[in-house]
């Protein structure tokens, strides 16, 4: 706000309370006006940058897949029941509901149970 008629402290406070970002009284010095304009430009640029970052964060959040709540799982075969009542292997279910890829291996207990002839050779 640039003014010559309103110069009191209460006028400055009222203008800033009403939404003015700055208050300059006439006569003004050009270097001070230029510095205040540059400060305003920085504020606008920061606001634009924050809006862009907020948009990017909202888009990223929309793309995040999460698992939450109760997950029905078979106590014997460990298949998981989806919302439509179909049963899937736990790896298939998790892969379709999260940003995860699986690689398969064999744990030591299963190696002994399912491949005893291989487990004996390793030991």
N, C-alpha and C. Protein backbone atom coordinates (compact mmCIF):
# COMPACT_ATOMS: atom_id res chain seq x y z
N UNK A 1 0.85 -1.16 0.00
CA UNK A 1 0.00 0.00 0.00
C UNK A 1 0.90 1.23 0.00
N UNK A 2 0.63 2.16 -0.86
CA UNK A 2 1.40 3.41 -0.97
C UNK A 2 0.44 4.54 -0.68
N UNK A 3 0.77 5.37 0.32
CA UNK A 3 -0.16 6.43 0.69
C UNK A 3 0.59 7.66 1.18
N UNK A 4 -0.07 8.79 1.04
CA UNK A 4 0.46 10.04 1.59
C UNK A 4 -0.47 10.56 2.67
N UNK A 5 -1.75 10.15 2.61
CA UNK A 5 -2.73 10.71 3.53
C UNK A 5 -2.85 9.93 4.83
N UNK A 6 -2.51 8.67 4.84
CA UNK A 6 -2.62 7.83 6.04
C UNK A 6 -1.22 7.52 6.56
N UNK A 7 -0.82 8.17 7.63
CA UNK A 7 0.55 7.99 8.09
C UNK A 7 0.66 7.57 9.54
N UNK A 8 -0.44 7.46 10.23
CA UNK A 8 -0.40 7.10 11.64
C UNK A 8 -0.20 5.60 11.85
N UNK A 9 0.25 5.25 13.03
CA UNK A 9 0.48 3.85 13.37
C UNK A 9 -0.79 3.04 13.21
N UNK A 10 -1.91 3.59 13.66
CA UNK A 10 -3.18 2.85 13.54
C UNK A 10 -3.58 2.65 12.08
N UNK A 11 -3.21 3.58 11.20
CA UNK A 11 -3.48 3.42 9.77
C UNK A 11 -2.64 2.26 9.19
N UNK A 12 -1.36 2.20 9.59
CA UNK A 12 -0.48 1.12 9.12
C UNK A 12 -1.03 -0.22 9.60
N UNK A 13 -1.37 -0.30 10.88
CA UNK A 13 -1.90 -1.55 11.45
C UNK A 13 -3.20 -1.95 10.75
N UNK A 14 -4.10 -1.00 10.52
CA UNK A 14 -5.37 -1.30 9.85
C UNK A 14 -5.14 -1.81 8.44
N UNK A 15 -4.20 -1.21 7.71
CA UNK A 15 -3.92 -1.64 6.33
C UNK A 15 -3.35 -3.05 6.32
N UNK A 16 -2.42 -3.33 7.22
CA UNK A 16 -1.83 -4.67 7.27
C UNK A 16 -2.86 -5.70 7.72
N UNK A 17 -3.71 -5.33 8.68
CA UNK A 17 -4.77 -6.24 9.13
C UNK A 17 -5.78 -6.52 8.01
N UNK A 18 -5.96 -5.55 7.11
CA UNK A 18 -6.92 -5.71 6.01
C UNK A 18 -6.36 -6.54 4.87
N UNK A 19 -5.06 -6.89 4.94
CA UNK A 19 -4.50 -7.76 3.91
C UNK A 19 -3.35 -7.18 3.12
N UNK A 20 -2.97 -5.94 3.38
CA UNK A 20 -1.81 -5.37 2.68
C UNK A 20 -0.55 -6.11 3.14
N UNK A 21 0.36 -6.36 2.21
CA UNK A 21 1.61 -7.05 2.55
C UNK A 21 2.70 -6.07 2.96
N UNK A 22 2.54 -4.81 2.62
CA UNK A 22 3.52 -3.80 3.00
C UNK A 22 2.82 -2.45 2.98
N UNK A 23 3.45 -1.47 3.59
CA UNK A 23 2.87 -0.14 3.70
C UNK A 23 4.00 0.86 3.52
N UNK A 24 3.89 1.70 2.49
CA UNK A 24 4.92 2.70 2.21
C UNK A 24 4.25 4.07 2.16
N UNK A 25 4.86 5.02 2.87
CA UNK A 25 4.30 6.37 2.90
C UNK A 25 5.07 7.28 1.94
N UNK A 26 4.32 8.19 1.30
CA UNK A 26 4.94 9.18 0.42
C UNK A 26 5.50 10.32 1.27
N UNK A 27 6.51 10.95 0.84
CA UNK A 27 7.35 10.62 -0.30
C UNK A 27 8.21 9.40 0.04
N UNK A 28 8.49 8.60 -0.98
CA UNK A 28 9.28 7.38 -0.77
C UNK A 28 10.62 7.52 -1.48
N UNK A 29 11.56 6.72 -1.01
CA UNK A 29 12.88 6.68 -1.64
C UNK A 29 12.90 5.49 -2.59
N UNK A 30 13.25 5.72 -3.88
CA UNK A 30 13.24 4.63 -4.87
C UNK A 30 14.01 3.38 -4.44
N UNK A 31 15.19 3.47 -3.82
CA UNK A 31 15.86 2.22 -3.43
C UNK A 31 15.05 1.41 -2.41
N UNK A 32 14.38 2.09 -1.48
CA UNK A 32 13.55 1.38 -0.50
C UNK A 32 12.35 0.73 -1.18
N UNK A 33 11.73 1.45 -2.12
CA UNK A 33 10.60 0.88 -2.86
C UNK A 33 11.06 -0.34 -3.66
N UNK A 34 12.20 -0.23 -4.32
CA UNK A 34 12.72 -1.36 -5.10
C UNK A 34 13.00 -2.56 -4.19
N UNK A 35 13.59 -2.34 -3.03
CA UNK A 35 13.88 -3.44 -2.10
C UNK A 35 12.59 -4.11 -1.62
N UNK A 36 11.58 -3.32 -1.36
CA UNK A 36 10.30 -3.88 -0.90
C UNK A 36 9.61 -4.65 -2.03
N UNK A 37 9.74 -4.16 -3.26
CA UNK A 37 9.17 -4.89 -4.40
C UNK A 37 9.89 -6.22 -4.56
N UNK A 38 11.21 -6.23 -4.43
CA UNK A 38 11.97 -7.47 -4.53
C UNK A 38 11.56 -8.46 -3.43
N UNK A 39 11.31 -7.96 -2.24
CA UNK A 39 10.84 -8.82 -1.16
C UNK A 39 9.48 -9.43 -1.52
N UNK A 40 8.62 -8.62 -2.12
CA UNK A 40 7.32 -9.12 -2.56
C UNK A 40 7.44 -10.18 -3.63
N UNK A 41 8.38 -9.97 -4.56
CA UNK A 41 8.62 -10.96 -5.62
C UNK A 41 9.08 -12.27 -5.00
N UNK A 42 9.98 -12.21 -4.01
CA UNK A 42 10.44 -13.43 -3.34
C UNK A 42 9.28 -14.16 -2.67
N UNK A 43 8.40 -13.41 -2.04
CA UNK A 43 7.24 -14.02 -1.38
C UNK A 43 6.35 -14.72 -2.39
N UNK A 44 6.09 -14.08 -3.51
CA UNK A 44 5.25 -14.69 -4.55
C UNK A 44 5.93 -15.93 -5.13
N UNK A 45 7.24 -15.86 -5.37
CA UNK A 45 7.96 -17.03 -5.89
C UNK A 45 7.93 -18.19 -4.90
N UNK A 46 8.10 -17.90 -3.62
CA UNK A 46 8.02 -18.95 -2.60
C UNK A 46 6.63 -19.56 -2.54
N UNK A 47 5.62 -18.72 -2.66
CA UNK A 47 4.24 -19.21 -2.66
C UNK A 47 4.00 -20.15 -3.84
N UNK A 48 4.48 -19.76 -5.02
CA UNK A 48 4.33 -20.61 -6.20
C UNK A 48 5.08 -21.93 -6.03
N UNK A 49 6.29 -21.86 -5.46
CA UNK A 49 7.07 -23.07 -5.25
C UNK A 49 6.36 -24.00 -4.25
N UNK A 50 5.83 -23.43 -3.18
CA UNK A 50 5.11 -24.24 -2.20
C UNK A 50 3.86 -24.88 -2.80
N UNK A 51 3.16 -24.14 -3.63
CA UNK A 51 1.98 -24.70 -4.29
C UNK A 51 2.35 -25.87 -5.20
N UNK A 52 3.48 -25.73 -5.92
CA UNK A 52 3.95 -26.80 -6.80
C UNK A 52 4.34 -28.03 -5.98
N UNK A 53 5.07 -27.81 -4.88
CA UNK A 53 5.47 -28.93 -4.02
C UNK A 53 4.25 -29.61 -3.41
N UNK A 54 3.26 -28.83 -3.02
CA UNK A 54 2.04 -29.41 -2.47
C UNK A 54 1.33 -30.26 -3.52
N UNK A 55 1.28 -29.77 -4.75
CA UNK A 55 0.67 -30.53 -5.83
C UNK A 55 1.42 -31.85 -6.05
N UNK A 56 2.76 -31.79 -6.05
CA UNK A 56 3.56 -33.00 -6.24
C UNK A 56 3.34 -33.99 -5.10
N UNK A 57 3.27 -33.49 -3.87
CA UNK A 57 3.03 -34.36 -2.72
C UNK A 57 1.65 -35.01 -2.78
N UNK A 58 0.65 -34.23 -3.19
CA UNK A 58 -0.70 -34.78 -3.31
C UNK A 58 -0.75 -35.86 -4.39
N UNK A 59 -0.05 -35.64 -5.51
CA UNK A 59 0.00 -36.65 -6.57
C UNK A 59 0.72 -37.90 -6.09
N UNK A 60 1.83 -37.72 -5.36
CA UNK A 60 2.57 -38.87 -4.83
C UNK A 60 1.72 -39.64 -3.84
N UNK A 61 1.01 -38.93 -2.98
CA UNK A 61 0.15 -39.59 -2.00
C UNK A 61 -0.97 -40.36 -2.68
N UNK A 62 -1.48 -39.83 -3.77
CA UNK A 62 -2.55 -40.53 -4.50
C UNK A 62 -2.02 -41.82 -5.13
N UNK A 63 -0.72 -41.88 -5.41
CA UNK A 63 -0.14 -43.06 -6.03
C UNK A 63 0.37 -44.10 -5.02
N UNK A 64 0.38 -43.74 -3.74
CA UNK A 64 0.88 -44.66 -2.73
C UNK A 64 -0.16 -45.74 -2.48
N UNK A 65 0.29 -46.99 -2.53
CA UNK A 65 -0.57 -48.11 -2.20
C UNK A 65 -0.20 -48.55 -0.79
N UNK A 66 -1.20 -48.74 0.05
CA UNK A 66 -0.92 -49.18 1.41
C UNK A 66 -1.81 -50.35 1.78
N UNK A 67 -1.30 -51.15 2.67
CA UNK A 67 -2.08 -52.23 3.25
C UNK A 67 -2.44 -51.80 4.66
N UNK A 68 -3.68 -51.93 5.02
CA UNK A 68 -4.08 -51.59 6.39
C UNK A 68 -5.31 -52.39 6.76
N UNK A 69 -5.57 -52.47 8.03
CA UNK A 69 -6.74 -53.18 8.52
C UNK A 69 -6.47 -54.66 8.72
N UNK A 70 -7.53 -55.43 8.84
CA UNK A 70 -7.42 -56.87 9.02
C UNK A 70 -7.28 -57.55 7.68
N UNK A 71 -6.44 -58.56 7.63
CA UNK A 71 -6.19 -59.30 6.40
C UNK A 71 -6.47 -60.77 6.67
N UNK A 72 -7.59 -61.31 6.13
CA UNK A 72 -7.90 -62.73 6.36
C UNK A 72 -6.87 -63.63 5.68
N UNK A 73 -6.27 -64.51 6.45
CA UNK A 73 -5.24 -65.41 5.92
C UNK A 73 -5.54 -66.82 6.40
N UNK A 74 -5.40 -67.80 5.52
CA UNK A 74 -5.64 -69.20 5.87
C UNK A 74 -4.56 -69.67 6.85
N UNK A 75 -4.98 -70.29 7.93
CA UNK A 75 -4.04 -70.74 8.94
C UNK A 75 -3.19 -71.91 8.45
N UNK A 76 -3.62 -72.59 7.40
CA UNK A 76 -2.86 -73.75 6.91
C UNK A 76 -2.00 -73.42 5.69
N UNK A 77 -2.61 -72.91 4.63
CA UNK A 77 -1.83 -72.69 3.40
C UNK A 77 -1.31 -71.26 3.27
N UNK A 78 -1.77 -70.36 4.15
CA UNK A 78 -1.33 -68.95 4.18
C UNK A 78 -1.81 -68.14 2.99
N UNK A 79 -2.86 -68.61 2.28
CA UNK A 79 -3.44 -67.78 1.22
C UNK A 79 -4.24 -66.65 1.88
N UNK A 80 -4.38 -65.55 1.16
CA UNK A 80 -5.05 -64.36 1.67
C UNK A 80 -6.34 -64.15 0.90
N UNK A 81 -7.42 -63.80 1.63
CA UNK A 81 -8.72 -63.54 1.00
C UNK A 81 -8.85 -62.06 0.69
N UNK A 82 -9.20 -61.76 -0.58
CA UNK A 82 -9.37 -60.36 -0.96
C UNK A 82 -10.78 -59.88 -0.63
N UNK A 83 -11.08 -58.62 -0.97
CA UNK A 83 -12.38 -58.03 -0.66
C UNK A 83 -13.54 -58.69 -1.40
N UNK A 84 -13.22 -59.39 -2.48
CA UNK A 84 -14.27 -60.05 -3.27
C UNK A 84 -14.45 -61.51 -2.87
N UNK A 85 -13.69 -61.96 -1.88
CA UNK A 85 -13.83 -63.33 -1.39
C UNK A 85 -12.94 -64.34 -2.07
N UNK A 86 -12.07 -63.91 -2.97
CA UNK A 86 -11.16 -64.82 -3.66
C UNK A 86 -9.88 -64.99 -2.84
N UNK A 87 -9.32 -66.19 -2.92
CA UNK A 87 -8.10 -66.50 -2.18
C UNK A 87 -6.89 -66.44 -3.10
N UNK A 88 -5.82 -65.80 -2.63
CA UNK A 88 -4.60 -65.61 -3.42
C UNK A 88 -3.39 -65.97 -2.55
N UNK A 89 -2.32 -66.36 -3.21
CA UNK A 89 -1.06 -66.51 -2.49
C UNK A 89 -0.68 -65.17 -1.88
N UNK A 90 -0.07 -65.21 -0.72
CA UNK A 90 0.25 -63.97 -0.03
C UNK A 90 1.15 -63.08 -0.88
N UNK A 91 2.08 -63.66 -1.65
CA UNK A 91 2.96 -62.85 -2.50
C UNK A 91 2.17 -62.16 -3.61
N UNK A 92 1.21 -62.86 -4.20
CA UNK A 92 0.37 -62.27 -5.26
C UNK A 92 -0.47 -61.14 -4.69
N UNK A 93 -1.06 -61.37 -3.53
CA UNK A 93 -1.92 -60.36 -2.90
C UNK A 93 -1.11 -59.10 -2.57
N UNK A 94 0.02 -59.26 -1.92
CA UNK A 94 0.81 -58.10 -1.52
C UNK A 94 1.33 -57.35 -2.74
N UNK A 95 1.75 -58.08 -3.76
CA UNK A 95 2.26 -57.42 -4.97
C UNK A 95 1.18 -56.56 -5.62
N UNK A 96 -0.08 -57.01 -5.58
CA UNK A 96 -1.16 -56.23 -6.20
C UNK A 96 -1.64 -55.08 -5.33
N UNK A 97 -1.24 -55.04 -4.05
CA UNK A 97 -1.69 -53.98 -3.15
C UNK A 97 -0.57 -53.10 -2.63
N UNK A 98 0.65 -53.32 -3.07
CA UNK A 98 1.78 -52.52 -2.60
C UNK A 98 2.83 -52.45 -3.70
N UNK A 99 3.71 -51.52 -3.57
CA UNK A 99 4.79 -51.35 -4.54
C UNK A 99 5.95 -52.28 -4.16
N UNK A 100 5.71 -53.59 -4.28
CA UNK A 100 6.70 -54.57 -3.87
C UNK A 100 6.82 -55.63 -4.95
N UNK A 101 8.05 -56.02 -5.25
CA UNK A 101 8.32 -57.17 -6.10
C UNK A 101 8.99 -58.22 -5.22
N UNK A 102 8.72 -59.48 -5.49
CA UNK A 102 9.27 -60.56 -4.70
C UNK A 102 10.35 -61.31 -5.48
N UNK A 103 11.32 -61.80 -4.77
CA UNK A 103 12.24 -62.79 -5.31
C UNK A 103 12.09 -63.99 -4.39
N UNK A 104 12.14 -65.16 -4.94
CA UNK A 104 11.89 -66.35 -4.14
C UNK A 104 13.18 -67.07 -3.80
N UNK A 105 13.20 -67.61 -2.64
CA UNK A 105 14.32 -68.40 -2.15
C UNK A 105 13.76 -69.54 -1.32
N UNK A 106 14.58 -70.16 -0.54
CA UNK A 106 14.13 -71.24 0.32
C UNK A 106 14.81 -71.08 1.68
N UNK A 107 14.00 -71.15 2.73
CA UNK A 107 14.56 -71.01 4.07
C UNK A 107 15.20 -72.34 4.48
N UNK A 108 16.06 -72.33 5.48
CA UNK A 108 16.74 -73.56 5.90
C UNK A 108 15.78 -74.68 6.33
N UNK A 109 14.68 -74.34 7.01
CA UNK A 109 13.74 -75.36 7.45
C UNK A 109 13.06 -76.04 6.26
N UNK A 110 12.65 -75.28 5.29
CA UNK A 110 12.00 -75.86 4.10
C UNK A 110 12.99 -76.64 3.26
N UNK A 111 14.21 -76.20 3.23
CA UNK A 111 15.24 -76.93 2.48
C UNK A 111 15.39 -78.35 3.05
N UNK A 112 15.45 -78.45 4.37
CA UNK A 112 15.57 -79.76 5.00
C UNK A 112 14.30 -80.57 4.79
N UNK A 113 13.13 -79.93 4.90
CA UNK A 113 11.85 -80.63 4.79
C UNK A 113 11.59 -81.12 3.37
N UNK A 114 11.82 -80.26 2.37
CA UNK A 114 11.44 -80.59 0.99
C UNK A 114 12.61 -81.10 0.14
N UNK A 115 13.83 -80.78 0.51
CA UNK A 115 15.00 -81.21 -0.25
C UNK A 115 16.07 -81.78 0.69
N UNK A 116 15.73 -82.81 1.42
CA UNK A 116 16.69 -83.34 2.40
C UNK A 116 18.00 -83.80 1.77
N UNK A 117 17.93 -84.29 0.56
CA UNK A 117 19.16 -84.75 -0.09
C UNK A 117 20.11 -83.60 -0.40
N UNK A 118 19.59 -82.39 -0.65
CA UNK A 118 20.43 -81.22 -0.88
C UNK A 118 20.95 -80.65 0.43
N UNK A 119 20.12 -80.69 1.45
CA UNK A 119 20.51 -80.12 2.74
C UNK A 119 21.67 -80.91 3.33
N UNK A 120 21.70 -82.21 3.14
CA UNK A 120 22.77 -83.04 3.69
C UNK A 120 24.11 -82.73 3.01
N UNK A 121 24.09 -82.47 1.72
CA UNK A 121 25.32 -82.20 0.98
C UNK A 121 25.94 -80.86 1.39
N UNK A 122 25.11 -79.88 1.72
CA UNK A 122 25.61 -78.56 2.07
C UNK A 122 26.30 -78.60 3.43
N UNK A 123 25.75 -79.36 4.36
CA UNK A 123 26.31 -79.41 5.70
C UNK A 123 27.55 -80.21 5.64
